[in-house]
N, C-alpha and C. Protein backbone atom coordinates (compact mmCIF):
# COMPACT_ATOMS: atom_id res chain seq x y z
N MET A 1 8.09 46.96 21.15
CA MET A 1 8.26 48.11 20.95
C MET A 1 9.29 48.97 21.12
N LYS A 2 9.84 49.21 20.46
CA LYS A 2 11.17 50.42 20.67
C LYS A 2 10.30 52.07 20.78
N PHE A 3 11.02 52.94 21.97
CA PHE A 3 10.88 54.05 21.95
C PHE A 3 11.53 54.87 21.24
N VAL A 4 11.32 55.63 20.13
CA VAL A 4 12.50 56.77 19.70
C VAL A 4 12.03 57.81 19.81
N PRO A 5 12.82 58.37 20.57
CA PRO A 5 12.40 60.14 20.99
C PRO A 5 12.13 60.97 19.52
N ARG A 6 11.45 61.34 19.50
CA ARG A 6 11.20 62.74 18.15
C ARG A 6 11.02 63.54 18.28
N PHE A 7 12.11 64.71 17.04
CA PHE A 7 12.14 66.06 17.47
C PHE A 7 11.52 67.02 16.50
N ASP A 8 10.09 67.77 17.20
CA ASP A 8 9.48 68.50 16.44
C ASP A 8 10.08 69.89 16.29
N PHE A 9 9.72 69.92 15.04
CA PHE A 9 10.63 70.91 14.64
C PHE A 9 9.24 72.40 14.82
N SER A 10 10.24 73.54 15.32
CA SER A 10 8.70 74.31 15.60
C SER A 10 9.34 75.74 15.48
N TRP A 11 8.96 77.35 15.05
CA TRP A 11 9.74 78.14 15.28
C TRP A 11 10.02 78.78 16.53
N LYS A 12 9.04 78.16 17.25
CA LYS A 12 9.09 78.77 18.59
C LYS A 12 10.77 78.07 19.42
N SER A 13 10.63 76.68 19.01
CA SER A 13 11.42 75.87 20.13
C SER A 13 12.95 76.33 19.25
N PHE A 14 13.09 76.79 17.93
CA PHE A 14 14.47 77.64 17.35
C PHE A 14 14.40 79.25 17.46
N GLY A 15 13.67 80.05 17.98
CA GLY A 15 13.57 81.30 18.99
C GLY A 15 13.93 80.86 19.81
N MET A 16 13.72 79.93 20.90
CA MET A 16 14.25 79.84 22.00
C MET A 16 15.72 79.46 22.15
N ALA A 17 16.21 78.43 20.86
CA ALA A 17 17.71 77.97 21.04
C ALA A 17 18.52 79.33 20.13
N LEU A 18 17.58 80.19 19.50
CA LEU A 18 18.46 80.96 18.96
C LEU A 18 18.81 82.11 20.19
N LEU A 19 17.84 82.50 21.32
CA LEU A 19 18.00 83.69 22.09
C LEU A 19 18.68 82.96 22.85
N VAL A 20 19.01 81.92 23.30
CA VAL A 20 19.99 81.11 24.32
C VAL A 20 21.12 81.25 23.81
N VAL A 21 21.90 80.90 22.50
CA VAL A 21 23.19 81.07 21.83
C VAL A 21 23.74 82.58 21.97
N ALA A 22 22.35 83.61 21.77
CA ALA A 22 22.56 84.92 21.56
C ALA A 22 23.42 85.31 23.17
N LEU A 23 22.64 84.64 23.73
CA LEU A 23 22.83 85.47 25.53
C LEU A 23 24.22 85.09 25.66
N LEU A 24 24.51 83.84 25.60
CA LEU A 24 25.85 83.06 25.85
C LEU A 24 26.70 83.71 24.92
N VAL A 25 26.41 83.84 23.90
CA VAL A 25 27.99 84.44 23.22
C VAL A 25 27.99 86.24 23.65
N SER A 26 26.80 87.14 24.10
CA SER A 26 26.71 88.84 24.39
C SER A 26 27.25 88.23 25.90
N ALA A 27 27.38 87.61 26.63
CA ALA A 27 27.61 87.76 28.02
C ALA A 27 28.80 88.19 28.32
N PRO A 28 30.08 87.48 28.09
CA PRO A 28 31.40 88.08 27.95
C PRO A 28 31.25 89.00 27.24
N LEU A 29 31.23 89.57 26.49
CA LEU A 29 30.94 90.84 25.15
C LEU A 29 31.01 91.89 26.23
N TYR A 30 29.52 91.47 27.36
CA TYR A 30 29.44 92.67 28.07
C TYR A 30 30.31 92.71 29.50
N THR A 31 31.11 91.60 29.86
CA THR A 31 31.61 91.71 30.90
C THR A 31 33.20 92.30 30.45
N SER A 32 33.44 92.01 29.04
CA SER A 32 35.01 92.58 29.38
C SER A 32 34.78 93.67 28.49
N GLN A 33 34.22 95.33 28.50
CA GLN A 33 34.16 96.35 28.32
C GLN A 33 34.72 97.29 29.42
N ALA A 34 35.76 97.77 29.41
CA ALA A 34 36.28 98.57 29.78
C ALA A 34 35.29 99.98 30.15
N SER A 35 35.75 100.30 31.70
CA SER A 35 35.35 101.58 31.98
C SER A 35 36.29 102.41 32.14
N GLU A 36 36.04 103.94 32.39
CA GLU A 36 36.53 105.22 32.38
C GLU A 36 36.17 105.84 33.78
N ILE A 37 37.58 105.92 34.17
CA ILE A 37 37.81 105.95 35.98
C ILE A 37 38.48 107.14 35.99
N SER A 38 38.48 108.19 36.98
CA SER A 38 39.36 109.30 37.16
C SER A 38 39.23 109.28 38.63
N GLY A 39 40.55 109.95 39.06
CA GLY A 39 40.56 110.33 40.17
C GLY A 39 42.21 110.36 41.30
N GLU A 40 42.27 110.64 41.74
CA GLU A 40 43.15 111.35 42.68
C GLU A 40 44.09 109.57 43.16
N ILE A 41 45.61 109.60 42.61
CA ILE A 41 46.36 108.44 43.09
C ILE A 41 46.63 108.79 44.68
N THR A 42 46.11 108.05 45.58
CA THR A 42 46.35 108.04 46.96
C THR A 42 47.45 107.12 47.32
N ALA A 43 48.07 106.19 46.45
CA ALA A 43 49.22 105.53 46.90
C ALA A 43 49.39 104.43 45.99
N VAL A 44 50.95 104.32 45.71
CA VAL A 44 51.52 103.64 44.87
C VAL A 44 52.39 102.48 44.97
N ASP A 45 52.08 100.85 44.59
CA ASP A 45 53.37 99.77 44.97
C ASP A 45 53.64 99.40 43.82
N VAL A 46 54.99 99.68 43.36
CA VAL A 46 55.87 99.63 42.32
C VAL A 46 55.75 98.44 41.68
N VAL A 47 56.36 97.41 42.92
CA VAL A 47 56.64 95.81 43.02
C VAL A 47 55.19 95.08 42.55
N GLY A 48 54.50 95.81 42.91
CA GLY A 48 53.18 94.72 42.51
C GLY A 48 52.29 95.53 41.87
N ARG A 49 52.75 96.23 41.14
CA ARG A 49 52.17 96.58 39.91
C ARG A 49 50.70 97.40 40.35
N VAL A 50 50.40 97.86 41.67
CA VAL A 50 49.13 98.69 41.70
C VAL A 50 49.24 99.56 42.61
N ILE A 51 48.47 100.50 42.05
CA ILE A 51 48.09 101.72 42.06
C ILE A 51 46.66 101.73 43.01
N GLU A 52 47.12 102.84 43.89
CA GLU A 52 45.17 103.29 44.90
C GLU A 52 44.23 104.81 44.34
N VAL A 53 43.31 104.17 43.58
CA VAL A 53 42.76 106.07 43.53
C VAL A 53 41.49 105.52 43.70
N ASN A 54 41.29 107.07 44.79
CA ASN A 54 40.38 107.60 45.11
C ASN A 54 40.30 106.42 46.99
N SER A 55 40.91 105.51 47.03
CA SER A 55 40.95 104.37 48.07
C SER A 55 40.41 103.63 47.45
N THR A 56 41.04 103.29 46.26
CA THR A 56 40.22 102.15 45.66
C THR A 56 41.19 101.32 44.71
N ARG A 57 41.94 99.68 44.94
CA ARG A 57 43.29 98.83 44.64
C ARG A 57 42.78 99.05 43.02
N TYR A 58 44.32 99.65 41.84
CA TYR A 58 43.72 98.98 40.55
C TYR A 58 45.33 98.28 40.35
N THR A 59 45.01 97.37 39.76
CA THR A 59 46.47 96.70 39.13
C THR A 59 47.05 96.78 37.76
N LEU A 60 48.07 97.54 37.66
CA LEU A 60 48.02 98.08 36.20
C LEU A 60 48.73 96.86 35.26
N ALA A 61 48.04 96.45 34.40
CA ALA A 61 48.13 95.47 33.49
C ALA A 61 49.86 95.92 32.70
N LEU A 62 50.93 94.29 32.49
CA LEU A 62 52.10 94.64 32.22
C LEU A 62 51.83 95.31 30.99
N GLN A 63 51.31 95.19 29.56
CA GLN A 63 50.98 96.02 28.55
C GLN A 63 50.49 97.50 28.72
N ALA A 64 49.90 98.06 29.92
CA ALA A 64 49.60 99.03 30.52
C ALA A 64 50.36 100.69 29.36
N GLU A 65 49.90 101.21 28.72
CA GLU A 65 50.21 102.43 28.57
C GLU A 65 49.74 103.46 29.41
N ILE A 66 50.95 104.03 29.97
CA ILE A 66 51.24 105.47 30.82
C ILE A 66 51.48 106.31 30.35
N LYS A 67 50.65 107.58 30.15
CA LYS A 67 51.31 108.77 29.69
C LYS A 67 50.99 109.61 30.48
N SER A 68 51.69 110.58 30.23
CA SER A 68 51.99 112.25 31.34
C SER A 68 51.02 113.08 30.00
N ALA A 69 49.57 113.82 30.63
CA ALA A 69 48.96 114.71 29.41
C ALA A 69 49.33 116.11 30.46
N SER A 70 50.31 116.45 30.89
CA SER A 70 50.49 117.84 31.74
C SER A 70 50.81 118.34 30.42
N SER A 71 52.03 117.58 29.59
CA SER A 71 52.32 119.19 28.64
C SER A 71 51.02 118.46 27.44
N GLU A 72 52.19 119.56 26.74
CA GLU A 72 51.09 119.35 24.89
C GLU A 72 51.79 118.20 24.04
N THR A 73 52.86 117.50 24.14
CA THR A 73 53.08 116.15 23.73
C THR A 73 53.25 115.61 25.03
N PRO A 74 52.03 114.42 24.97
CA PRO A 74 52.57 113.39 25.91
C PRO A 74 53.62 112.57 26.10
N LYS A 75 54.39 112.21 27.35
CA LYS A 75 55.41 111.27 27.14
C LYS A 75 55.17 110.48 28.00
N GLU A 76 55.73 109.24 27.63
CA GLU A 76 55.85 107.96 28.38
C GLU A 76 56.15 107.71 29.48
N LEU A 77 55.53 107.63 30.29
CA LEU A 77 55.70 107.37 31.83
C LEU A 77 56.18 105.57 32.46
N ASN A 78 56.40 105.42 33.25
CA ASN A 78 56.37 104.28 33.73
C ASN A 78 56.22 103.87 35.21
N ILE A 79 55.42 102.84 36.16
CA ILE A 79 54.93 102.74 37.29
C ILE A 79 55.64 103.79 38.48
N ALA A 80 56.87 103.42 38.40
CA ALA A 80 58.02 104.84 39.11
C ALA A 80 57.98 106.05 39.41
N ASP A 81 57.28 106.60 38.38
CA ASP A 81 56.87 107.79 37.88
C ASP A 81 55.71 108.29 38.63
N LEU A 82 55.07 107.27 38.98
CA LEU A 82 53.37 107.92 39.86
C LEU A 82 53.93 107.95 41.03
N ARG A 83 53.31 109.25 41.26
CA ARG A 83 53.12 109.50 43.26
C ARG A 83 51.77 110.12 43.49
N ALA A 84 51.49 109.84 44.95
CA ALA A 84 50.59 110.15 45.50
C ALA A 84 50.24 111.74 45.23
N GLY A 85 48.98 112.26 45.10
CA GLY A 85 48.12 113.20 44.75
C GLY A 85 48.25 113.98 42.97
N GLN A 86 48.80 112.57 42.39
CA GLN A 86 48.54 113.27 41.05
C GLN A 86 47.11 112.93 40.69
N TYR A 87 46.45 113.57 40.15
CA TYR A 87 45.42 113.38 39.23
C TYR A 87 45.42 112.39 38.32
N ALA A 88 44.59 111.25 38.15
CA ALA A 88 44.43 109.93 36.98
C ALA A 88 43.20 109.89 36.53
N GLU A 89 43.18 109.84 35.13
CA GLU A 89 42.28 109.29 33.98
C GLU A 89 42.82 107.96 33.67
N PHE A 90 41.71 107.08 33.51
CA PHE A 90 42.14 105.55 32.87
C PHE A 90 41.09 104.80 32.78
N GLU A 91 41.12 103.68 31.78
CA GLU A 91 40.51 102.64 31.37
C GLU A 91 40.87 101.25 32.09
N ALA A 92 39.68 100.26 32.64
CA ALA A 92 40.05 99.10 33.45
C ALA A 92 39.29 98.60 33.18
N ASN A 93 39.40 97.29 32.97
CA ASN A 93 38.60 96.20 32.98
C ASN A 93 38.45 95.83 34.25
N GLY A 94 37.04 95.38 35.35
CA GLY A 94 37.47 95.62 36.28
C GLY A 94 38.25 96.08 36.95
N SER A 95 39.43 95.51 37.60
CA SER A 95 40.51 96.19 38.56
C SER A 95 41.42 95.97 37.56
N VAL A 96 41.88 95.81 36.95
CA VAL A 96 42.99 96.04 36.03
C VAL A 96 42.93 96.77 34.76
N ILE A 97 43.98 97.97 35.07
CA ILE A 97 43.64 99.20 34.34
C ILE A 97 44.75 98.66 33.03
N GLN A 98 44.16 99.19 31.55
CA GLN A 98 44.50 98.76 30.23
C GLN A 98 45.33 100.05 29.58
N SER A 99 45.38 101.29 30.11
CA SER A 99 45.79 102.75 29.80
C SER A 99 46.39 103.75 30.61
N LEU A 100 46.54 104.62 31.10
CA LEU A 100 46.66 105.84 31.81
C LEU A 100 47.06 106.71 31.43
N ARG A 101 46.69 108.18 31.96
CA ARG A 101 46.98 109.10 31.58
C ARG A 101 47.37 109.92 33.00
N VAL A 102 48.28 110.62 33.48
CA VAL A 102 48.53 111.11 34.73
C VAL A 102 48.71 113.01 34.21
N PHE A 103 48.02 113.74 35.32
CA PHE A 103 47.66 115.21 35.07
C PHE A 103 48.70 115.94 36.50
N GLU A 104 49.38 116.03 35.95
CA GLU A 104 50.79 116.88 37.07
C GLU A 104 49.88 117.86 38.01
N GLU A 105 49.09 118.56 37.26
CA GLU A 105 49.10 120.08 37.64
C GLU A 105 47.69 119.61 38.07
N GLY A 106 47.14 118.60 38.61
CA GLY A 106 45.79 118.53 38.94
C GLY A 106 44.51 117.99 38.03
N GLN A 107 43.44 117.96 38.65
CA GLN A 107 42.45 117.58 37.81
C GLN A 107 42.12 118.79 36.44
N PRO A 108 42.02 118.03 35.34
CA PRO A 108 42.02 119.04 34.29
C PRO A 108 40.71 119.70 34.39
N LYS A 109 40.55 120.73 33.47
CA LYS A 109 38.91 121.81 33.50
C LYS A 109 38.57 121.79 32.98
């Protein structure tokens, strides 16, 4: 006599499978959300594309948008224009900066 496994369909097992799939799909979405951070630039490494803000190191993504927010019309900057003492606001995924705004006059009011 052969034993053949049988799958009994029930709404409970279907619901559990659906829950597992939903959790697996939503986990990468949660971890990839950008967070907004602000603070004073304390160090800049142009070659390594790394800046330190409030003593925490962040890497600038290659496609990162860097803008001066001090004037009425924001102008494009590059990493060589950044220096310690400037106030910055940026979006980062983990420790990678996606967009950066720099204020020459210090923290905005």
